[in-house]
């Protein structure tokens, strides 16, 4: 067994895992910020700070952004999972 290859595979695995975890966290934070913004817009409407038309426009815009953020999060998680599976297979082969 080649120790250098094993060390390289293990390091690559942890680097990929850290990267995937970081990307998943960033996507989750983006989603959380958009949901907080949505709650703020709702509160502004209840308090009368914005009108009905502005409220509906802003909620529509936020709904699209939230949908996009959820899709991006799912895609990042799928890519990260596939990458980690590939690294695990390489490590097992060594």
PDB file of N, CA and C in Angstrom:
ATOM      1  N   UNK A   1       0.848  -1.179   0.000  1.00  0.00           N
ATOM      2  CA  UNK A   1       0.000   0.000   0.000  1.00  0.00           C
ATOM      3  C   UNK A   1       0.892   1.241   0.000  1.00  0.00           C
ATOM      4  N   UNK A   2       0.570   2.170  -0.816  1.00  0.00           N
ATOM      5  CA  UNK A   2       1.356   3.380  -0.930  1.00  0.00           C
ATOM      6  C   UNK A   2       0.847   4.414   0.082  1.00  0.00           C
ATOM      7  N   UNK A   3       1.662   4.737   1.059  1.00  0.00           N
ATOM      8  CA  UNK A   3       1.290   5.662   2.126  1.00  0.00           C
ATOM      9  C   UNK A   3       1.004   7.060   1.574  1.00  0.00           C
ATOM     10  N   UNK A   4       1.788   7.505   0.610  1.00  0.00           N
ATOM     11  CA  UNK A   4       1.608   8.841   0.035  1.00  0.00           C
ATOM     12  C   UNK A   4       0.240   8.963  -0.626  1.00  0.00           C
ATOM     13  N   UNK A   5      -0.155   7.940  -1.379  1.00  0.00           N
ATOM     14  CA  UNK A   5      -1.471   7.962  -2.027  1.00  0.00           C
ATOM     15  C   UNK A   5      -2.582   7.983  -0.993  1.00  0.00           C
ATOM     16  N   UNK A   6      -2.410   7.214   0.066  1.00  0.00           N
ATOM     17  CA  UNK A   6      -3.423   7.169   1.125  1.00  0.00           C
ATOM     18  C   UNK A   6      -3.547   8.527   1.795  1.00  0.00           C
ATOM     19  N   UNK A   7      -2.418   9.127   2.134  1.00  0.00           N
ATOM     20  CA  UNK A   7      -2.438  10.451   2.767  1.00  0.00           C
ATOM     21  C   UNK A   7      -3.083  11.479   1.851  1.00  0.00           C
ATOM     22  N   UNK A   8      -2.754  11.421   0.576  1.00  0.00           N
ATOM     23  CA  UNK A   8      -3.324  12.354  -0.399  1.00  0.00           C
ATOM     24  C   UNK A   8      -4.832  12.173  -0.510  1.00  0.00           C
ATOM     25  N   UNK A   9      -5.282  10.930  -0.552  1.00  0.00           N
ATOM     26  CA  UNK A   9      -6.716  10.654  -0.659  1.00  0.00           C
ATOM     27  C   UNK A   9      -7.464  11.130   0.594  1.00  0.00           C
ATOM     28  N   UNK A  10      -6.887  10.898   1.751  1.00  0.00           N
ATOM     29  CA  UNK A  10      -7.516  11.320   2.997  1.00  0.00           C
ATOM     30  C   UNK A  10      -7.585  12.851   3.071  1.00  0.00           C
ATOM     31  N   UNK A  11      -6.502  13.502   2.707  1.00  0.00           N
ATOM     32  CA  UNK A  11      -6.490  14.971   2.710  1.00  0.00           C
ATOM     33  C   UNK A  11      -7.512  15.518   1.717  1.00  0.00           C
ATOM     34  N   UNK A  12      -7.581  14.922   0.529  1.00  0.00           N
ATOM     35  CA  UNK A  12      -8.553  15.366  -0.478  1.00  0.00           C
ATOM     36  C   UNK A  12      -9.976  15.192   0.040  1.00  0.00           C
ATOM     37  N   UNK A  13     -10.223  14.077   0.717  1.00  0.00           N
ATOM     38  CA  UNK A  13     -11.556  13.837   1.276  1.00  0.00           C
ATOM     39  C   UNK A  13     -11.939  14.941   2.261  1.00  0.00           C
ATOM     40  N   UNK A  14     -11.065  15.246   3.212  1.00  0.00           N
ATOM     41  CA  UNK A  14     -11.382  16.255   4.226  1.00  0.00           C
ATOM     42  C   UNK A  14     -11.460  17.658   3.635  1.00  0.00           C
ATOM     43  N   UNK A  15     -10.642  17.934   2.630  1.00  0.00           N
ATOM     44  CA  UNK A  15     -10.732  19.229   1.951  1.00  0.00           C
ATOM     45  C   UNK A  15     -12.069  19.379   1.241  1.00  0.00           C
ATOM     46  N   UNK A  16     -12.489  18.325   0.542  1.00  0.00           N
ATOM     47  CA  UNK A  16     -13.792  18.354  -0.155  1.00  0.00           C
ATOM     48  C   UNK A  16     -14.933  18.474   0.854  1.00  0.00           C
ATOM     49  N   UNK A  17     -14.833  17.740   1.941  1.00  0.00           N
ATOM     50  CA  UNK A  17     -15.882  17.781   2.960  1.00  0.00           C
ATOM     51  C   UNK A  17     -15.988  19.176   3.563  1.00  0.00           C
ATOM     52  N   UNK A  18     -14.867  19.784   3.870  1.00  0.00           N
ATOM     53  CA  UNK A  18     -14.876  21.136   4.428  1.00  0.00           C
ATOM     54  C   UNK A  18     -15.474  22.124   3.435  1.00  0.00           C
ATOM     55  N   UNK A  19     -15.107  21.977   2.179  1.00  0.00           N
ATOM     56  CA  UNK A  19     -15.638  22.855   1.138  1.00  0.00           C
ATOM     57  C   UNK A  19     -17.153  22.671   1.003  1.00  0.00           C
ATOM     58  N   UNK A  20     -17.593  21.425   0.983  1.00  0.00           N
ATOM     59  CA  UNK A  20     -19.029  21.135   0.855  1.00  0.00           C
ATOM     60  C   UNK A  20     -19.795  21.672   2.055  1.00  0.00           C
ATOM     61  N   UNK A  21     -19.240  21.494   3.245  1.00  0.00           N
ATOM     62  CA  UNK A  21     -19.895  22.008   4.442  1.00  0.00           C
ATOM     63  C   UNK A  21     -19.992  23.531   4.397  1.00  0.00           C
ATOM     64  N   UNK A  22     -18.937  24.187   3.924  1.00  0.00           N
ATOM     65  CA  UNK A  22     -18.931  25.641   3.822  1.00  0.00           C
ATOM     66  C   UNK A  22     -19.961  26.147   2.837  1.00  0.00           C
ATOM     67  N   UNK A  23     -20.074  25.481   1.692  1.00  0.00           N
ATOM     68  CA  UNK A  23     -21.052  25.881   0.682  1.00  0.00           C
ATOM     69  C   UNK A  23     -22.475  25.647   1.171  1.00  0.00           C
ATOM     70  N   UNK A  24     -22.703  24.538   1.862  1.00  0.00           N
ATOM     71  CA  UNK A  24     -24.036  24.248   2.392  1.00  0.00           C
ATOM     72  C   UNK A  24     -24.413  25.282   3.457  1.00  0.00           C
ATOM     73  N   UNK A  25     -23.461  25.650   4.286  1.00  0.00           N
ATOM     74  CA  UNK A  25     -23.717  26.662   5.310  1.00  0.00           C
ATOM     75  C   UNK A  25     -24.031  28.014   4.676  1.00  0.00           C
ATOM     76  N   UNK A  26     -23.288  28.384   3.645  1.00  0.00           N
ATOM     77  CA  UNK A  26     -23.535  29.656   2.954  1.00  0.00           C
ATOM     78  C   UNK A  26     -24.932  29.673   2.331  1.00  0.00           C
ATOM     79  N   UNK A  27     -25.328  28.569   1.721  1.00  0.00           N
ATOM     80  CA  UNK A  27     -26.663  28.486   1.115  1.00  0.00           C
ATOM     81  C   UNK A  27     -27.740  28.579   2.185  1.00  0.00           C
ATOM     82  N   UNK A  28     -27.516  27.938   3.313  1.00  0.00           N
ATOM     83  CA  UNK A  28     -28.480  27.982   4.408  1.00  0.00           C
ATOM     84  C   UNK A  28     -28.584  29.396   4.985  1.00  0.00           C
ATOM     85  N   UNK A  29     -27.467  30.087   5.102  1.00  0.00           N
ATOM     86  CA  UNK A  29     -27.473  31.460   5.606  1.00  0.00           C
ATOM     87  C   UNK A  29     -28.210  32.389   4.646  1.00  0.00           C
ATOM     88  N   UNK A  30     -28.018  32.214   3.350  1.00  0.00           N
ATOM     89  CA  UNK A  30     -28.722  33.019   2.355  1.00  0.00           C
ATOM     90  C   UNK A  30     -30.219  32.798   2.472  1.00  0.00           C
ATOM     91  N   UNK A  31     -30.610  31.557   2.579  1.00  0.00           N
ATOM     92  CA  UNK A  31     -32.024  31.212   2.718  1.00  0.00           C
ATOM     93  C   UNK A  31     -32.598  31.814   3.992  1.00  0.00           C
ATOM     94  N   UNK A  32     -31.871  31.746   5.066  1.00  0.00           N
ATOM     95  CA  UNK A  32     -32.314  32.304   6.344  1.00  0.00           C
ATOM     96  C   UNK A  32     -32.490  33.822   6.257  1.00  0.00           C
ATOM     97  N   UNK A  33     -31.554  34.501   5.608  1.00  0.00           N
ATOM     98  CA  UNK A  33     -31.653  35.960   5.455  1.00  0.00           C
ATOM     99  C   UNK A  33     -32.872  36.349   4.637  1.00  0.00           C
ATOM    100  N   UNK A  34     -33.150  35.590   3.580  1.00  0.00           N
ATOM    101  CA  UNK A  34     -34.324  35.884   2.750  1.00  0.00           C
ATOM    102  C   UNK A  34     -35.616  35.670   3.534  1.00  0.00           C
ATOM    103  N   UNK A  35     -35.662  34.623   4.340  1.00  0.00           N
ATOM    104  CA  UNK A  35     -36.856  34.376   5.148  1.00  0.00           C
ATOM    105  C   UNK A  35     -37.031  35.452   6.217  1.00  0.00           C
ATOM    106  N   UNK A  36     -35.927  35.938   6.777  1.00  0.00           N
ATOM    107  CA  UNK A  36     -36.003  37.042   7.742  1.00  0.00           C
ATOM    108  C   UNK A  36     -36.511  38.309   7.061  1.00  0.00           C
ATOM    109  N   UNK A  37     -36.043  38.545   5.853  1.00  0.00           N
ATOM    110  CA  UNK A  37     -36.494  39.715   5.097  1.00  0.00           C
ATOM    111  C   UNK A  37     -37.989  39.616   4.802  1.00  0.00           C
ATOM    112  N   UNK A  38     -38.446  38.406   4.503  1.00  0.00           N
ATOM    113  CA  UNK A  38     -39.869  38.189   4.246  1.00  0.00           C
ATOM    114  C   UNK A  38     -40.701  38.526   5.493  1.00  0.00           C
ATOM    115  N   UNK A  39     -40.213  38.119   6.652  1.00  0.00           N
ATOM    116  CA  UNK A  39     -40.909  38.427   7.908  1.00  0.00           C
ATOM    117  C   UNK A  39     -40.917  39.938   8.167  1.00  0.00           C
ATOM    118  N   UNK A  40     -39.830  40.617   7.833  1.00  0.00           N
ATOM    119  CA  UNK A  40     -39.751  42.067   7.995  1.00  0.00           C
ATOM    120  C   UNK A  40     -40.782  42.769   7.111  1.00  0.00           C
ATOM    121  N   UNK A  41     -40.899  42.313   5.866  1.00  0.00           N
ATOM    122  CA  UNK A  41     -41.871  42.902   4.937  1.00  0.00           C
ATOM    123  C   UNK A  41     -43.299  42.689   5.465  1.00  0.00           C
ATOM    124  N   UNK A  42     -43.562  41.502   5.992  1.00  0.00           N
ATOM    125  CA  UNK A  42     -44.890  41.237   6.570  1.00  0.00           C
ATOM    126  C   UNK A  42     -45.175  42.191   7.725  1.00  0.00           C
ATOM    127  N   UNK A  43     -44.177  42.373   8.591  1.00  0.00           N
ATOM    128  CA  UNK A  43     -44.341  43.260   9.746  1.00  0.00           C
ATOM    129  C   UNK A  43     -44.549  44.708   9.293  1.00  0.00           C
ATOM    130  N   UNK A  44     -43.806  45.127   8.259  1.00  0.00           N
ATOM    131  CA  UNK A  44     -43.967  46.484   7.740  1.00  0.00           C
ATOM    132  C   UNK A  44     -45.371  46.695   7.194  1.00  0.00           C
ATOM    133  N   UNK A  45     -45.925  45.682   6.558  1.00  0.00           N
ATOM    134  CA  UNK A  45     -47.282  45.794   6.017  1.00  0.00           C
ATOM    135  C   UNK A  45     -48.300  45.904   7.148  1.00  0.00           C
ATOM    136  N   UNK A  46     -48.144  45.083   8.168  1.00  0.00           N
ATOM    137  CA  UNK A  46     -49.054  45.110   9.321  1.00  0.00           C
ATOM    138  C   UNK A  46     -48.983  46.465  10.022  1.00  0.00           C
ATOM    139  N   UNK A  47     -47.792  47.027  10.116  1.00  0.00           N
ATOM    140  CA  UNK A  47     -47.605  48.322  10.782  1.00  0.00           C
ATOM    141  C   UNK A  47     -47.996  49.489   9.887  1.00  0.00           C
ATOM    142  N   UNK A  48     -48.324  49.216   8.638  1.00  0.00           N
ATOM    143  CA  UNK A  48     -48.747  50.266   7.722  1.00  0.00           C
ATOM    144  C   UNK A  48     -47.616  51.069   7.107  1.00  0.00           C
ATOM    145  N   UNK A  49     -46.408  50.567   7.205  1.00  0.00           N
ATOM    146  CA  UNK A  49     -45.248  51.285   6.662  1.00  0.00           C
ATOM    147  C   UNK A  49     -45.141  51.162   5.149  1.00  0.00           C
ATOM    148  N   UNK A  50     -45.743  50.104   4.588  1.00  0.00           N
ATOM    149  CA  UNK A  50     -45.757  49.946   3.133  1.00  0.00           C
ATOM    150  C   UNK A  50     -47.184  49.627   2.693  1.00  0.00           C
ATOM    151  N   UNK A  51     -47.483  50.004   1.463  1.00  0.00           N
ATOM    152  CA  UNK A  51     -48.815  49.775   0.924  1.00  0.00           C
ATOM    153  C   UNK A  51     -48.999  48.360   0.406  1.00  0.00           C
ATOM    154  N   UNK A  52     -50.235  48.049   0.038  1.00  0.00           N
ATOM    155  CA  UNK A  52     -50.579  46.706  -0.438  1.00  0.00           C
ATOM    156  C   UNK A  52     -49.808  46.330  -1.708  1.00  0.00           C
ATOM    157  N   UNK A  53     -49.746  47.238  -2.667  1.00  0.00           N
ATOM    158  CA  UNK A  53     -49.062  46.943  -3.931  1.00  0.00           C
ATOM    159  C   UNK A  53     -47.573  46.702  -3.702  1.00  0.00           C
ATOM    160  N   UNK A  54     -46.937  47.540  -2.892  1.00  0.00           N
ATOM    161  CA  UNK A  54     -45.510  47.365  -2.596  1.00  0.00           C
ATOM    162  C   UNK A  54     -45.282  46.057  -1.839  1.00  0.00           C
ATOM    163  N   UNK A  55     -46.197  45.747  -0.936  1.00  0.00           N
ATOM    164  CA  UNK A  55     -46.102  44.495  -0.175  1.00  0.00           C
ATOM    165  C   UNK A  55     -46.169  43.293  -1.112  1.00  0.00           C
ATOM    166  N   UNK A  56     -47.147  43.281  -2.004  1.00  0.00           N
ATOM    167  CA  UNK A  56     -47.309  42.155  -2.925  1.00  0.00           C
ATOM    168  C   UNK A  56     -46.116  42.024  -3.867  1.00  0.00           C
ATOM    169  N   UNK A  57     -45.623  43.146  -4.376  1.00  0.00           N
ATOM    170  CA  UNK A  57     -44.450  43.107  -5.253  1.00  0.00           C
ATOM    171  C   UNK A  57     -43.228  42.536  -4.530  1.00  0.00           C
ATOM    172  N   UNK A  58     -43.011  43.028  -3.324  1.00  0.00           N
ATOM    173  CA  UNK A  58     -41.844  42.592  -2.546  1.00  0.00           C
ATOM    174  C   UNK A  58     -41.961  41.108  -2.170  1.00  0.00           C
ATOM    175  N   UNK A  59     -43.155  40.666  -1.796  1.00  0.00           N
ATOM    176  CA  UNK A  59     -43.357  39.260  -1.423  1.00  0.00           C
ATOM    177  C   UNK A  59     -43.159  38.345  -2.631  1.00  0.00           C
ATOM    178  N   UNK A  60     -43.617  38.786  -3.792  1.00  0.00           N
ATOM    179  CA  UNK A  60     -43.415  38.007  -5.014  1.00  0.00           C
ATOM    180  C   UNK A  60     -41.921  37.872  -5.316  1.00  0.00           C
ATOM    181  N   UNK A  61     -41.227  38.994  -5.214  1.00  0.00           N
ATOM    182  CA  UNK A  61     -39.781  39.004  -5.459  1.00  0.00           C
ATOM    183  C   UNK A  61     -39.048  38.083  -4.471  1.00  0.00           C
ATOM    184  N   UNK A  62     -39.420  38.175  -3.206  1.00  0.00           N
ATOM    185  CA  UNK A  62     -38.783  37.336  -2.191  1.00  0.00           C
ATOM    186  C   UNK A  62     -39.113  35.857  -2.397  1.00  0.00           C
ATOM    187  N   UNK A  63     -40.332  35.564  -2.807  1.00  0.00           N
ATOM    188  CA  UNK A  63     -40.714  34.170  -3.058  1.00  0.00           C
ATOM    189  C   UNK A  63     -39.837  33.567  -4.150  1.00  0.00           C
ATOM    190  N   UNK A  64     -39.581  34.329  -5.202  1.00  0.00           N
ATOM    191  CA  UNK A  64     -38.718  33.840  -6.285  1.00  0.00           C
ATOM    192  C   UNK A  64     -37.277  33.640  -5.798  1.00  0.00           C
ATOM    193  N   UNK A  65     -36.786  34.590  -5.018  1.00  0.00           N
ATOM    194  CA  UNK A  65     -35.422  34.474  -4.502  1.00  0.00           C
ATOM    195  C   UNK A  65     -35.293  33.280  -3.560  1.00  0.00           C
ATOM    196  N   UNK A  66     -36.307  33.064  -2.724  1.00  0.00           N
ATOM    197  CA  UNK A  66     -36.281  31.934  -1.792  1.00  0.00           C
ATOM    198  C   UNK A  66     -36.322  30.617  -2.564  1.00  0.00           C
ATOM    199  N   UNK A  67     -37.157  30.564  -3.582  1.00  0.00           N
ATOM    200  CA  UNK A  67     -37.227  29.362  -4.422  1.00  0.00           C
ATOM    201  C   UNK A  67     -35.876  29.083  -5.075  1.00  0.00           C
ATOM    202  N   UNK A  68     -35.237  30.123  -5.602  1.00  0.00           N
ATOM    203  CA  UNK A  68     -33.914  29.966  -6.217  1.00  0.00           C
ATOM    204  C   UNK A  68     -32.867  29.524  -5.191  1.00  0.00           C
ATOM    205  N   UNK A  69     -32.926  30.107  -3.993  1.00  0.00           N
ATOM    206  CA  UNK A  69     -31.966  29.752  -2.943  1.00  0.00           C
ATOM    207  C   UNK A  69     -32.139  28.299  -2.515  1.00  0.00           C
ATOM    208  N   UNK A  70     -33.388  27.848  -2.417  1.00  0.00           N
ATOM    209  CA  UNK A  70     -33.638  26.440  -2.049  1.00  0.00           C
ATOM    210  C   UNK A  70     -33.112  25.501  -3.133  1.00  0.00           C
ATOM    211  N   UNK A  71     -33.328  25.858  -4.380  1.00  0.00           N
ATOM    212  CA  UNK A  71     -32.836  25.029  -5.486  1.00  0.00           C
ATOM    213  C   UNK A  71     -31.305  25.000  -5.489  1.00  0.00           C
ATOM    214  N   UNK A  72     -30.689  26.146  -5.286  1.00  0.00           N
ATOM    215  CA  UNK A  72     -29.223  26.216  -5.250  1.00  0.00           C
ATOM    216  C   UNK A  72     -28.674  25.382  -4.096  1.00  0.00           C
ATOM    217  N   UNK A  73     -29.338  25.444  -2.951  1.00  0.00           N
ATOM    218  CA  UNK A  73     -28.917  24.658  -1.789  1.00  0.00           C
ATOM    219  C   UNK A  73     -28.995  23.165  -2.104  1.00  0.00           C
ATOM    220  N   UNK A  74     -30.074  22.739  -2.723  1.00  0.00           N
ATOM    221  CA  UNK A  74     -30.236  21.321  -3.082  1.00  0.00           C
ATOM    222  C   UNK A  74     -29.170  20.875  -4.076  1.00  0.00           C
ATOM    223  N   UNK A  75     -28.893  21.721  -5.054  1.00  0.00           N
ATOM    224  CA  UNK A  75     -27.876  21.391  -6.056  1.00  0.00           C
ATOM    225  C   UNK A  75     -26.499  21.294  -5.401  1.00  0.00           C
ATOM    226  N   UNK A  76     -26.188  22.245  -4.525  1.00  0.00           N
ATOM    227  CA  UNK A  76     -24.881  22.209  -3.843  1.00  0.00           C
ATOM    228  C   UNK A  76     -24.740  20.948  -3.009  1.00  0.00           C
ATOM    229  N   UNK A  77     -25.825  20.573  -2.301  1.00  0.00           N
ATOM    230  CA  UNK A  77     -25.772  19.373  -1.477  1.00  0.00           C
ATOM    231  C   UNK A  77     -25.584  18.124  -2.340  1.00  0.00           C
ATOM    232  N   UNK A  78     -26.248  18.069  -3.487  1.00  0.00           N
ATOM    233  CA  UNK A  78     -26.114  16.911  -4.380  1.00  0.00           C
ATOM    234  C   UNK A  78     -24.704  16.817  -4.948  1.00  0.00           C
ATOM    235  N   UNK A  79     -24.162  17.937  -5.375  1.00  0.00           N
ATOM    236  CA  UNK A  79     -22.801  17.951  -5.926  1.00  0.00           C
ATOM    237  C   UNK A  79     -21.793  17.559  -4.846  1.00  0.00           C
ATOM    238  N   UNK A  80     -21.974  18.117  -3.653  1.00  0.00           N
ATOM    239  CA  UNK A  80     -21.058  17.798  -2.557  1.00  0.00           C
ATOM    240  C   UNK A  80     -21.136  16.313  -2.209  1.00  0.00           C
ATOM    241  N   UNK A  81     -22.332  15.772  -2.176  1.00  0.00           N
ATOM    242  CA  UNK A  81     -22.491  14.350  -1.880  1.00  0.00           C
ATOM    243  C   UNK A  81     -21.823  13.476  -2.919  1.00  0.00           C
ATOM    244  N   UNK A  82     -21.989  13.831  -4.183  1.00  0.00           N
ATOM    245  CA  UNK A  82     -21.367  13.065  -5.263  1.00  0.00           C
ATOM    246  C   UNK A  82     -19.843  13.163  -5.193  1.00  0.00           C
ATOM    247  N   UNK A  83     -19.352  14.345  -4.894  1.00  0.00           N
ATOM    248  CA  UNK A  83     -17.898  14.536  -4.793  1.00  0.00           C
ATOM    249  C   UNK A  83     -17.332  13.714  -3.636  1.00  0.00           C
ATOM    250  N   UNK A  84     -18.030  13.725  -2.510  1.00  0.00           N
ATOM    251  CA  UNK A  84     -17.553  12.960  -1.360  1.00  0.00           C
ATOM    252  C   UNK A  84     -17.616  11.458  -1.632  1.00  0.00           C
ATOM    253  N   UNK A  85     -18.650  11.016  -2.326  1.00  0.00           N
ATOM    254  CA  UNK A  85     -18.743   9.599  -2.686  1.00  0.00           C
ATOM    255  C   UNK A  85     -17.563   9.199  -3.566  1.00  0.00           C
ATOM    256  N   UNK A  86     -17.216  10.070  -4.511  1.00  0.00           N
ATOM    257  CA  UNK A  86     -16.082   9.788  -5.396  1.00  0.00           C
ATOM    258  C   UNK A  86     -14.771   9.700  -4.639  1.00  0.00           C
ATOM    259  N   UNK A  87     -14.579  10.590  -3.686  1.00  0.00           N
ATOM    260  CA  UNK A  87     -13.350  10.580  -2.879  1.00  0.00           C
ATOM    261  C   UNK A  87     -13.315   9.325  -2.005  1.00  0.00           C
ATOM    262  N   UNK A  88     -14.468   8.950  -1.423  1.00  0.00           N
ATOM    263  CA  UNK A  88     -14.511   7.745  -0.596  1.00  0.00           C
ATOM    264  C   UNK A  88     -14.163   6.506  -1.420  1.00  0.00           C
ATOM    265  N   UNK A  89     -14.667   6.448  -2.655  1.00  0.00           N
ATOM    266  CA  UNK A  89     -14.366   5.320  -3.531  1.00  0.00           C
ATOM    267  C   UNK A  89     -12.871   5.265  -3.854  1.00  0.00           C
ATOM    268  N   UNK A  90     -12.281   6.440  -4.095  1.00  0.00           N
ATOM    269  CA  UNK A  90     -10.848   6.483  -4.382  1.00  0.00           C
ATOM    270  C   UNK A  90     -10.058   6.018  -3.160  1.00  0.00           C
ATOM    271  N   UNK A  91     -10.462   6.466  -1.992  1.00  0.00           N
ATOM    272  CA  UNK A  91      -9.754   6.085  -0.769  1.00  0.00           C
ATOM    273  C   UNK A  91      -9.877   4.586  -0.518  1.00  0.00           C
ATOM    274  N   UNK A  92     -11.056   4.037  -0.787  1.00  0.00           N
ATOM    275  CA  UNK A  92     -11.254   2.596  -0.580  1.00  0.00           C
ATOM    276  C   UNK A  92     -10.421   1.769  -1.554  1.00  0.00           C
ATOM    277  N   UNK A  93     -10.203   2.302  -2.740  1.00  0.00           N
ATOM    278  CA  UNK A  93      -9.439   1.573  -3.756  1.00  0.00           C
ATOM    279  C   UNK A  93      -7.954   1.522  -3.426  1.00  0.00           C
ATOM    280  N   UNK A  94      -7.512   2.452  -2.613  1.00  0.00           N
ATOM    281  CA  UNK A  94      -6.058   2.521  -2.306  1.00  0.00           C
ATOM    282  C   UNK A  94      -5.666   1.547  -1.242  1.00  0.00           C
TER     283      UNK A  94
END
